[in-house]
PDB file of N, CA and C in Angstrom:
ATOM      1  N   UNK A   1       0.233  -1.351   0.268  1.00  0.00           N
ATOM      2  CA  UNK A   1      -0.125  -0.542   0.411  1.00  0.00           C
ATOM      3  C   UNK A   1       1.184   1.715   0.092  1.00  0.00           C
ATOM      4  N   UNK A   2       0.507   2.437  -1.067  1.00  0.00           N
ATOM      5  CA  UNK A   2       1.179   3.149  -0.420  1.00  0.00           C
ATOM      6  C   UNK A   2       0.419   4.408   0.777  1.00  0.00           C
ATOM      7  N   UNK A   3       1.360   4.435   1.501  1.00  0.00           N
ATOM      8  CA  UNK A   3       2.165   5.504   1.941  1.00  0.00           C
ATOM      9  C   UNK A   3       2.139   6.804   2.184  1.00  0.00           C
ATOM     10  N   UNK A   4       1.630   7.919   2.372  1.00  0.00           N
ATOM     11  CA  UNK A   4       1.406   9.135   2.555  1.00  0.00           C
ATOM     12  C   UNK A   4       2.372  10.308   3.455  1.00  0.00           C
ATOM     13  N   UNK A   5       3.093  10.425   4.329  1.00  0.00           N
ATOM     14  CA  UNK A   5       3.298  10.966   5.285  1.00  0.00           C
ATOM     15  C   UNK A   5       3.826  11.965   5.586  1.00  0.00           C
ATOM     16  N   UNK A   6       3.202  13.489   6.529  1.00  0.00           N
ATOM     17  CA  UNK A   6       3.368  14.611   6.145  1.00  0.00           C
ATOM     18  C   UNK A   6       3.356  14.831   7.077  1.00  0.00           C
ATOM     19  N   UNK A   7       4.766  15.298   8.303  1.00  0.00           N
ATOM     20  CA  UNK A   7       5.235  15.487   9.730  1.00  0.00           C
ATOM     21  C   UNK A   7       4.789  17.344   9.318  1.00  0.00           C
ATOM     22  N   UNK A   8       3.908  17.849  10.221  1.00  0.00           N
ATOM     23  CA  UNK A   8       3.326  19.583   9.505  1.00  0.00           C
ATOM     24  C   UNK A   8       4.388  19.921  11.567  1.00  0.00           C
ATOM     25  N   UNK A   9       5.044  20.964  10.860  1.00  0.00           N
ATOM     26  CA  UNK A   9       5.835  21.965  12.289  1.00  0.00           C
ATOM     27  C   UNK A   9       7.548  21.006  12.572  1.00  0.00           C
ATOM     28  N   UNK A  10       7.693  19.749  11.881  1.00  0.00           N
ATOM     29  CA  UNK A  10       8.649  19.034  12.422  1.00  0.00           C
ATOM     30  C   UNK A  10       8.893  18.370  11.389  1.00  0.00           C
ATOM     31  N   UNK A  11      10.023  17.663  11.280  1.00  0.00           N
ATOM     32  CA  UNK A  11      10.500  16.357  10.895  1.00  0.00           C
ATOM     33  C   UNK A  11      10.802  14.857  11.546  1.00  0.00           C
ATOM     34  N   UNK A  12      10.513  14.836  10.500  1.00  0.00           N
ATOM     35  CA  UNK A  12       9.837  13.297  10.620  1.00  0.00           C
ATOM     36  C   UNK A  12      11.174  13.008  10.973  1.00  0.00           C
ATOM     37  N   UNK A  13      11.908  11.841  11.681  1.00  0.00           N
ATOM     38  CA  UNK A  13      12.873  10.112  11.430  1.00  0.00           C
ATOM     39  C   UNK A  13      12.210   9.516  10.720  1.00  0.00           C
ATOM     40  N   UNK A  14      12.902   8.697  10.229  1.00  0.00           N
ATOM     41  CA  UNK A  14      12.938   7.408   9.507  1.00  0.00           C
ATOM     42  C   UNK A  14      12.748   6.544  10.147  1.00  0.00           C
ATOM     43  N   UNK A  15      12.748   6.539  11.579  1.00  0.00           N
ATOM     44  CA  UNK A  15      12.260   4.879  12.226  1.00  0.00           C
ATOM     45  C   UNK A  15      10.342   5.294  12.461  1.00  0.00           C
ATOM     46  N   UNK A  16       9.849   6.660  13.038  1.00  0.00           N
ATOM     47  CA  UNK A  16       9.162   6.533  13.146  1.00  0.00           C
ATOM     48  C   UNK A  16       7.855   7.295  11.808  1.00  0.00           C
ATOM     49  N   UNK A  17       8.775   7.037  10.461  1.00  0.00           N
ATOM     50  CA  UNK A  17       7.751   6.349   8.872  1.00  0.00           C
ATOM     51  C   UNK A  17       8.311   4.490   8.894  1.00  0.00           C
ATOM     52  N   UNK A  18       8.528   4.693   9.234  1.00  0.00           N
ATOM     53  CA  UNK A  18       9.075   2.629   9.577  1.00  0.00           C
ATOM     54  C   UNK A  18       7.707   2.227  10.064  1.00  0.00           C
ATOM     55  N   UNK A  19       7.589   3.073  11.102  1.00  0.00           N
ATOM     56  CA  UNK A  19       6.819   2.593  12.126  1.00  0.00           C
ATOM     57  C   UNK A  19       5.563   2.684  11.792  1.00  0.00           C
ATOM     58  N   UNK A  20       5.045   3.442  11.633  1.00  0.00           N
ATOM     59  CA  UNK A  20       3.706   3.533  10.578  1.00  0.00           C
ATOM     60  C   UNK A  20       3.921   3.193   8.778  1.00  0.00           C
ATOM     61  N   UNK A  21       4.821   3.033   8.662  1.00  0.00           N
ATOM     62  CA  UNK A  21       4.691   2.497   7.770  1.00  0.00           C
ATOM     63  C   UNK A  21       4.574   0.574   7.635  1.00  0.00           C
ATOM     64  N   UNK A  22       4.508   0.612   8.270  1.00  0.00           N
ATOM     65  CA  UNK A  22       4.955  -1.332   9.336  1.00  0.00           C
ATOM     66  C   UNK A  22       3.518  -1.162   9.299  1.00  0.00           C
ATOM     67  N   UNK A  23       2.750  -0.290  10.391  1.00  0.00           N
ATOM     68  CA  UNK A  23       1.979  -0.585  11.375  1.00  0.00           C
ATOM     69  C   UNK A  23       0.112  -0.438  10.181  1.00  0.00           C
ATOM     70  N   UNK A  24       0.708   0.686   8.602  1.00  0.00           N
ATOM     71  CA  UNK A  24      -0.207   0.950   8.151  1.00  0.00           C
ATOM     72  C   UNK A  24      -0.445  -0.574   6.932  1.00  0.00           C
ATOM     73  N   UNK A  25       0.758  -1.777   6.654  1.00  0.00           N
ATOM     74  CA  UNK A  25       0.639  -2.236   6.496  1.00  0.00           C
ATOM     75  C   UNK A  25      -0.244  -3.501   6.494  1.00  0.00           C
ATOM     76  N   UNK A  26      -0.306  -3.332   7.715  1.00  0.00           N
ATOM     77  CA  UNK A  26      -1.574  -4.647   8.163  1.00  0.00           C
ATOM     78  C   UNK A  26      -2.197  -4.645   7.826  1.00  0.00           C
ATOM     79  N   UNK A  27      -3.077  -3.182   7.662  1.00  0.00           N
ATOM     80  CA  UNK A  27      -4.034  -3.532   7.394  1.00  0.00           C
ATOM     81  C   UNK A  27      -4.850  -3.973   6.957  1.00  0.00           C
ATOM     82  N   UNK A  28      -4.141  -4.219   5.578  1.00  0.00           N
ATOM     83  CA  UNK A  28      -3.913  -5.304   3.990  1.00  0.00           C
ATOM     84  C   UNK A  28      -4.934  -6.285   4.757  1.00  0.00           C
ATOM     85  N   UNK A  29      -4.274  -7.229   6.076  1.00  0.00           N
ATOM     86  CA  UNK A  29      -4.702  -8.336   6.459  1.00  0.00           C
ATOM     87  C   UNK A  29      -6.559  -8.261   6.818  1.00  0.00           C
ATOM     88  N   UNK A  30      -7.151  -6.288   7.490  1.00  0.00           N
ATOM     89  CA  UNK A  30      -8.383  -7.249   7.000  1.00  0.00           C
ATOM     90  C   UNK A  30      -8.974  -6.116   6.222  1.00  0.00           C
ATOM     91  N   UNK A  31      -8.943  -5.933   5.236  1.00  0.00           N
ATOM     92  CA  UNK A  31      -9.541  -5.290   4.258  1.00  0.00           C
ATOM     93  C   UNK A  31      -8.551  -5.339   2.971  1.00  0.00           C
ATOM     94  N   UNK A  32      -8.332  -5.990   2.380  1.00  0.00           N
ATOM     95  CA  UNK A  32      -7.215  -5.599   1.392  1.00  0.00           C
ATOM     96  C   UNK A  32      -7.786  -4.417   0.314  1.00  0.00           C
ATOM     97  N   UNK A  33      -8.406  -4.453   0.002  1.00  0.00           N
ATOM     98  CA  UNK A  33      -9.294  -3.477  -1.419  1.00  0.00           C
ATOM     99  C   UNK A  33      -8.289  -1.659  -0.733  1.00  0.00           C
ATOM    100  N   UNK A  34      -7.373  -1.908   0.247  1.00  0.00           N
ATOM    101  CA  UNK A  34      -7.269  -0.203   0.225  1.00  0.00           C
ATOM    102  C   UNK A  34      -6.233   0.536  -0.685  1.00  0.00           C
ATOM    103  N   UNK A  35      -5.933   1.078  -0.887  1.00  0.00           N
ATOM    104  CA  UNK A  35      -5.448   0.994  -2.513  1.00  0.00           C
ATOM    105  C   UNK A  35      -4.882   2.632  -1.964  1.00  0.00           C
ATOM    106  N   UNK A  36      -4.639   3.625  -1.300  1.00  0.00           N
ATOM    107  CA  UNK A  36      -3.335   4.601  -0.666  1.00  0.00           C
ATOM    108  C   UNK A  36      -4.316   4.643   1.271  1.00  0.00           C
ATOM    109  N   UNK A  37      -2.779   5.663   1.261  1.00  0.00           N
ATOM    110  CA  UNK A  37      -3.449   6.399   2.800  1.00  0.00           C
ATOM    111  C   UNK A  37      -2.462   7.661   3.229  1.00  0.00           C
ATOM    112  N   UNK A  38      -3.001   9.077   3.688  1.00  0.00           N
ATOM    113  CA  UNK A  38      -3.005   9.753   3.928  1.00  0.00           C
ATOM    114  C   UNK A  38      -2.284   9.514   5.631  1.00  0.00           C
ATOM    115  N   UNK A  39      -0.984  10.002   5.942  1.00  0.00           N
ATOM    116  CA  UNK A  39      -0.453   9.954   7.225  1.00  0.00           C
ATOM    117  C   UNK A  39       0.115  11.914   7.947  1.00  0.00           C
ATOM    118  N   UNK A  40      -1.079  12.582   8.594  1.00  0.00           N
ATOM    119  CA  UNK A  40      -0.740  14.071   9.128  1.00  0.00           C
ATOM    120  C   UNK A  40      -0.586  13.603  10.228  1.00  0.00           C
ATOM    121  N   UNK A  41       1.315  14.596  10.759  1.00  0.00           N
ATOM    122  CA  UNK A  41       1.672  14.227  11.780  1.00  0.00           C
ATOM    123  C   UNK A  41       1.432  15.525  12.354  1.00  0.00           C
ATOM    124  N   UNK A  42       0.893  15.982  13.845  1.00  0.00           N
ATOM    125  CA  UNK A  42       0.562  17.268  14.153  1.00  0.00           C
ATOM    126  C   UNK A  42       0.958  17.253  15.419  1.00  0.00           C
ATOM    127  N   UNK A  43       1.938  18.950  15.571  1.00  0.00           N
ATOM    128  CA  UNK A  43       2.175  18.481  16.976  1.00  0.00           C
ATOM    129  C   UNK A  43       1.332  19.882  17.810  1.00  0.00           C
ATOM    130  N   UNK A  44       0.434  20.061  18.185  1.00  0.00           N
ATOM    131  CA  UNK A  44      -0.480  21.278  18.785  1.00  0.00           C
ATOM    132  C   UNK A  44      -0.185  21.994  20.297  1.00  0.00           C
ATOM    133  N   UNK A  45      -0.408  23.432  20.222  1.00  0.00           N
ATOM    134  CA  UNK A  45       0.752  23.833  20.994  1.00  0.00           C
ATOM    135  C   UNK A  45      -0.153  24.307  22.409  1.00  0.00           C
ATOM    136  N   UNK A  46      -0.447  23.322  22.857  1.00  0.00           N
ATOM    137  CA  UNK A  46      -0.552  23.339  24.018  1.00  0.00           C
ATOM    138  C   UNK A  46       0.271  23.064  25.212  1.00  0.00           C
ATOM    139  N   UNK A  47      -0.115  22.746  26.084  1.00  0.00           N
ATOM    140  CA  UNK A  47       0.934  22.437  27.144  1.00  0.00           C
ATOM    141  C   UNK A  47       0.726  21.310  27.740  1.00  0.00           C
ATOM    142  N   UNK A  48       0.023  21.313  26.798  1.00  0.00           N
ATOM    143  CA  UNK A  48      -0.754  19.373  28.161  1.00  0.00           C
ATOM    144  C   UNK A  48       0.352  18.808  27.733  1.00  0.00           C
ATOM    145  N   UNK A  49       0.377  16.963  27.898  1.00  0.00           N
ATOM    146  CA  UNK A  49       1.651  16.078  27.827  1.00  0.00           C
ATOM    147  C   UNK A  49       0.885  15.396  26.051  1.00  0.00           C
ATOM    148  N   UNK A  50      -0.781  15.469  26.360  1.00  0.00           N
ATOM    149  CA  UNK A  50      -0.723  15.394  24.999  1.00  0.00           C
ATOM    150  C   UNK A  50      -1.405  16.109  23.853  1.00  0.00           C
ATOM    151  N   UNK A  51      -0.043  16.396  23.099  1.00  0.00           N
ATOM    152  CA  UNK A  51       0.433  17.212  22.545  1.00  0.00           C
ATOM    153  C   UNK A  51       0.657  16.453  20.908  1.00  0.00           C
ATOM    154  N   UNK A  52       0.115  15.466  20.624  1.00  0.00           N
ATOM    155  CA  UNK A  52       0.824  15.060  19.528  1.00  0.00           C
ATOM    156  C   UNK A  52      -0.073  14.172  18.717  1.00  0.00           C
ATOM    157  N   UNK A  53      -0.199  14.217  17.419  1.00  0.00           N
ATOM    158  CA  UNK A  53      -1.989  14.680  16.680  1.00  0.00           C
ATOM    159  C   UNK A  53      -1.364  13.518  15.274  1.00  0.00           C
ATOM    160  N   UNK A  54      -2.126  11.799  15.469  1.00  0.00           N
ATOM    161  CA  UNK A  54      -2.432  12.035  14.852  1.00  0.00           C
ATOM    162  C   UNK A  54      -3.471  11.342  13.474  1.00  0.00           C
ATOM    163  N   UNK A  55      -3.506  11.536  12.210  1.00  0.00           N
ATOM    164  CA  UNK A  55      -4.888  11.673  11.836  1.00  0.00           C
ATOM    165  C   UNK A  55      -4.596  10.954  10.344  1.00  0.00           C
ATOM    166  N   UNK A  56      -5.150   9.998  10.134  1.00  0.00           N
ATOM    167  CA  UNK A  56      -5.019   9.343   9.391  1.00  0.00           C
ATOM    168  C   UNK A  56      -6.311   8.778   7.699  1.00  0.00           C
ATOM    169  N   UNK A  57      -5.929   9.414   6.629  1.00  0.00           N
ATOM    170  CA  UNK A  57      -7.139   9.086   5.355  1.00  0.00           C
ATOM    171  C   UNK A  57      -6.474   7.519   5.010  1.00  0.00           C
ATOM    172  N   UNK A  58      -7.632   6.643   5.239  1.00  0.00           N
ATOM    173  CA  UNK A  58      -7.984   5.365   3.738  1.00  0.00           C
ATOM    174  C   UNK A  58      -8.371   5.898   2.908  1.00  0.00           C
ATOM    175  N   UNK A  59      -7.810   5.155   1.796  1.00  0.00           N
ATOM    176  CA  UNK A  59      -8.621   5.104   0.795  1.00  0.00           C
ATOM    177  C   UNK A  59      -8.968   3.465   0.064  1.00  0.00           C
ATOM    178  N   UNK A  60     -10.624   3.589   0.031  1.00  0.00           N
ATOM    179  CA  UNK A  60     -11.183   2.431  -0.799  1.00  0.00           C
ATOM    180  C   UNK A  60     -11.657   3.056  -1.308  1.00  0.00           C
ATOM    181  N   UNK A  61     -11.742   1.712  -2.720  1.00  0.00           N
ATOM    182  CA  UNK A  61     -12.979   2.635  -4.034  1.00  0.00           C
ATOM    183  C   UNK A  61     -14.431   2.554  -3.435  1.00  0.00           C
ATOM    184  N   UNK A  62     -14.307   3.612  -3.939  1.00  0.00           N
ATOM    185  CA  UNK A  62     -15.572   4.712  -3.748  1.00  0.00           C
ATOM    186  C   UNK A  62     -15.989   4.681  -2.247  1.00  0.00           C
ATOM    187  N   UNK A  63     -14.476   4.735  -1.179  1.00  0.00           N
ATOM    188  CA  UNK A  63     -14.671   5.321   0.054  1.00  0.00           C
ATOM    189  C   UNK A  63     -13.551   5.469   0.461  1.00  0.00           C
ATOM    190  N   UNK A  64     -13.211   6.416   1.472  1.00  0.00           N
ATOM    191  CA  UNK A  64     -12.606   7.227   2.996  1.00  0.00           C
ATOM    192  C   UNK A  64     -13.005   6.859   3.803  1.00  0.00           C
ATOM    193  N   UNK A  65     -11.968   6.775   5.043  1.00  0.00           N
ATOM    194  CA  UNK A  65     -12.270   6.805   6.115  1.00  0.00           C
ATOM    195  C   UNK A  65     -11.018   7.750   6.486  1.00  0.00           C
ATOM    196  N   UNK A  66     -11.608   8.335   8.043  1.00  0.00           N
ATOM    197  CA  UNK A  66     -10.946   9.459   8.469  1.00  0.00           C
ATOM    198  C   UNK A  66     -10.473   9.521  10.044  1.00  0.00           C
ATOM    199  N   UNK A  67      -9.371   9.326  10.293  1.00  0.00           N
ATOM    200  CA  UNK A  67      -9.202   8.610  11.862  1.00  0.00           C
ATOM    201  C   UNK A  67      -8.831   9.980  12.618  1.00  0.00           C
ATOM    202  N   UNK A  68      -8.555  10.256  13.517  1.00  0.00           N
ATOM    203  CA  UNK A  68      -7.860  11.502  13.906  1.00  0.00           C
ATOM    204  C   UNK A  68      -7.615  10.768  15.544  1.00  0.00           C
ATOM    205  N   UNK A  69      -6.759  11.197  16.374  1.00  0.00           N
ATOM    206  CA  UNK A  69      -5.982  10.795  17.277  1.00  0.00           C
ATOM    207  C   UNK A  69      -5.098  11.670  17.461  1.00  0.00           C
ATOM    208  N   UNK A  70      -5.664  11.347  18.734  1.00  0.00           N
ATOM    209  CA  UNK A  70      -4.201  12.411  19.865  1.00  0.00           C
ATOM    210  C   UNK A  70      -4.056  11.879  21.433  1.00  0.00           C
ATOM    211  N   UNK A  71      -2.006  12.004  20.794  1.00  0.00           N
ATOM    212  CA  UNK A  71      -1.773  10.976  22.630  1.00  0.00           C
ATOM    213  C   UNK A  71      -0.674  11.766  23.199  1.00  0.00           C
ATOM    214  N   UNK A  72       0.433  11.048  23.996  1.00  0.00           N
ATOM    215  CA  UNK A  72       1.272  11.511  24.282  1.00  0.00           C
ATOM    216  C   UNK A  72       2.576  11.424  23.584  1.00  0.00           C
ATOM    217  N   UNK A  73       2.330  10.165  22.434  1.00  0.00           N
ATOM    218  CA  UNK A  73       3.717   9.810  21.366  1.00  0.00           C
ATOM    219  C   UNK A  73       3.112   9.235  20.324  1.00  0.00           C
ATOM    220  N   UNK A  74       3.666  10.318  19.407  1.00  0.00           N
ATOM    221  CA  UNK A  74       2.678   9.685  18.007  1.00  0.00           C
ATOM    222  C   UNK A  74       2.884   8.401  17.673  1.00  0.00           C
ATOM    223  N   UNK A  75       3.713   7.374  18.150  1.00  0.00           N
ATOM    224  CA  UNK A  75       3.436   6.067  17.797  1.00  0.00           C
ATOM    225  C   UNK A  75       2.314   5.351  19.176  1.00  0.00           C
ATOM    226  N   UNK A  76       2.049   5.947  19.529  1.00  0.00           N
ATOM    227  CA  UNK A  76       0.798   5.331  20.301  1.00  0.00           C
ATOM    228  C   UNK A  76      -0.890   6.117  19.316  1.00  0.00           C
ATOM    229  N   UNK A  77      -0.940   7.825  19.162  1.00  0.00           N
ATOM    230  CA  UNK A  77      -1.528   8.064  18.063  1.00  0.00           C
ATOM    231  C   UNK A  77      -1.655   7.233  17.176  1.00  0.00           C
ATOM    232  N   UNK A  78      -0.971   6.024  16.260  1.00  0.00           N
ATOM    233  CA  UNK A  78      -1.255   6.103  14.973  1.00  0.00           C
ATOM    234  C   UNK A  78      -1.089   4.840  15.258  1.00  0.00           C
ATOM    235  N   UNK A  79      -0.963   4.215  16.838  1.00  0.00           N
ATOM    236  CA  UNK A  79      -1.826   3.169  16.711  1.00  0.00           C
ATOM    237  C   UNK A  79      -2.807   2.586  17.076  1.00  0.00           C
ATOM    238  N   UNK A  80      -3.227   3.785  17.857  1.00  0.00           N
ATOM    239  CA  UNK A  80      -4.488   4.040  18.532  1.00  0.00           C
ATOM    240  C   UNK A  80      -5.924   4.191  17.082  1.00  0.00           C
ATOM    241  N   UNK A  81      -5.434   5.450  16.156  1.00  0.00           N
ATOM    242  CA  UNK A  81      -5.779   5.152  14.435  1.00  0.00           C
ATOM    243  C   UNK A  81      -6.339   4.073  13.954  1.00  0.00           C
ATOM    244  N   UNK A  82      -4.510   3.326  13.975  1.00  0.00           N
ATOM    245  CA  UNK A  82      -5.136   2.085  13.497  1.00  0.00           C
ATOM    246  C   UNK A  82      -6.227   1.329  13.456  1.00  0.00           C
ATOM    247  N   UNK A  83      -6.132   1.185  15.084  1.00  0.00           N
ATOM    248  CA  UNK A  83      -7.333  -0.271  15.865  1.00  0.00           C
ATOM    249  C   UNK A  83      -8.865   1.061  15.167  1.00  0.00           C
ATOM    250  N   UNK A  84      -8.609   1.111  15.648  1.00  0.00           N
ATOM    251  CA  UNK A  84     -10.433   2.231  15.063  1.00  0.00           C
ATOM    252  C   UNK A  84      -9.969   2.517  13.204  1.00  0.00           C
ATOM    253  N   UNK A  85      -9.285   2.134  11.903  1.00  0.00           N
ATOM    254  CA  UNK A  85      -9.129   2.065  10.835  1.00  0.00           C
ATOM    255  C   UNK A  85     -10.093   0.507  11.343  1.00  0.00           C
ATOM    256  N   UNK A  86      -9.088  -0.855  11.428  1.00  0.00           N
ATOM    257  CA  UNK A  86      -9.252  -1.825  11.874  1.00  0.00           C
ATOM    258  C   UNK A  86     -10.721  -2.660  12.117  1.00  0.00           C
ATOM    259  N   UNK A  87     -11.462  -1.395  13.028  1.00  0.00           N
ATOM    260  CA  UNK A  87     -12.848  -2.256  12.612  1.00  0.00           C
ATOM    261  C   UNK A  87     -13.722  -1.156  11.993  1.00  0.00           C
ATOM    262  N   UNK A  88     -13.140  -0.186  11.029  1.00  0.00           N
ATOM    263  CA  UNK A  88     -14.346   0.006  10.663  1.00  0.00           C
ATOM    264  C   UNK A  88     -13.800  -0.344   9.602  1.00  0.00           C
ATOM    265  N   UNK A  89     -12.717  -0.788   8.598  1.00  0.00           N
ATOM    266  CA  UNK A  89     -12.749  -0.974   7.797  1.00  0.00           C
ATOM    267  C   UNK A  89     -13.176  -2.708   8.118  1.00  0.00           C
ATOM    268  N   UNK A  90     -13.429  -3.969   9.040  1.00  0.00           N
ATOM    269  CA  UNK A  90     -13.837  -4.516   9.158  1.00  0.00           C
ATOM    270  C   UNK A  90     -15.267  -4.661   8.734  1.00  0.00           C
ATOM    271  N   UNK A  91     -15.851  -4.013   9.816  1.00  0.00           N
ATOM    272  CA  UNK A  91     -17.834  -3.432   9.118  1.00  0.00           C
ATOM    273  C   UNK A  91     -17.518  -3.633   7.096  1.00  0.00           C
ATOM    274  N   UNK A  92     -17.439  -2.767   7.216  1.00  0.00           N
ATOM    275  CA  UNK A  92     -17.740  -2.099   5.329  1.00  0.00           C
ATOM    276  C   UNK A  92     -17.305  -3.131   5.369  1.00  0.00           C
ATOM    277  N   UNK A  93     -15.846  -4.509   4.995  1.00  0.00           N
ATOM    278  CA  UNK A  93     -16.191  -5.639   4.460  1.00  0.00           C
ATOM    279  C   UNK A  93     -17.411  -7.033   5.279  1.00  0.00           C
ATOM    280  N   UNK A  94     -17.700  -6.893   6.682  1.00  0.00           N
ATOM    281  CA  UNK A  94     -19.098  -7.578   6.453  1.00  0.00           C
ATOM    282  C   UNK A  94     -20.005  -6.715   6.172  1.00  0.00           C
ATOM    283  N   UNK A  95     -20.389  -5.464   5.454  1.00  0.00           N
ATOM    284  CA  UNK A  95     -21.779  -4.792   5.058  1.00  0.00           C
ATOM    285  C   UNK A  95     -21.881  -5.061   3.573  1.00  0.00           C
ATOM    286  N   UNK A  96     -20.227  -5.523   2.422  1.00  0.00           N
ATOM    287  CA  UNK A  96     -19.619  -5.858   1.385  1.00  0.00           C
ATOM    288  C   UNK A  96     -20.077  -6.945   0.728  1.00  0.00           C
ATOM    289  N   UNK A  97     -20.022  -8.007   1.906  1.00  0.00           N
ATOM    290  CA  UNK A  97     -20.060  -9.575   1.850  1.00  0.00           C
ATOM    291  C   UNK A  97     -21.732  -9.516   1.555  1.00  0.00           C
ATOM    292  N   UNK A  98     -21.582 -11.221   0.910  1.00  0.00           N
ATOM    293  CA  UNK A  98     -22.947 -10.811   0.432  1.00  0.00           C
ATOM    294  C   UNK A  98     -24.146 -11.747   1.344  1.00  0.00           C
ATOM    295  N   UNK A  99     -24.976 -11.285   1.913  1.00  0.00           N
ATOM    296  CA  UNK A  99     -26.089 -12.652   2.704  1.00  0.00           C
ATOM    297  C   UNK A  99     -26.302 -13.531   2.044  1.00  0.00           C
ATOM    298  N   UNK A 100     -26.633 -15.154   3.050  1.00  0.00           N
ATOM    299  CA  UNK A 100     -26.847 -15.647   2.668  1.00  0.00           C
ATOM    300  C   UNK A 100     -27.759 -17.085   4.050  1.00  0.00           C
TER     301      UNK A 100
END
């Protein structure tokens, strides 16, 4: 799957990009028709510890899924967003499956 990662107001290191790629590749286990995904990593300007935001947009045929999570680290935010996306993709797969 093609993953486009963008970091806003900072530069993401290779380890973070690799983690994102590996985690999003696992989405294809749940729904094999994923076309591409866009990941936006942002730093919130608040004084709280949970100031890292990960927004993931997944493109599938005829639809788009968008999940936004805010956590203490980017890895934690990406992991939470991917878990949410897994549930959404499984729900879509069940909905498209013909009822017998």
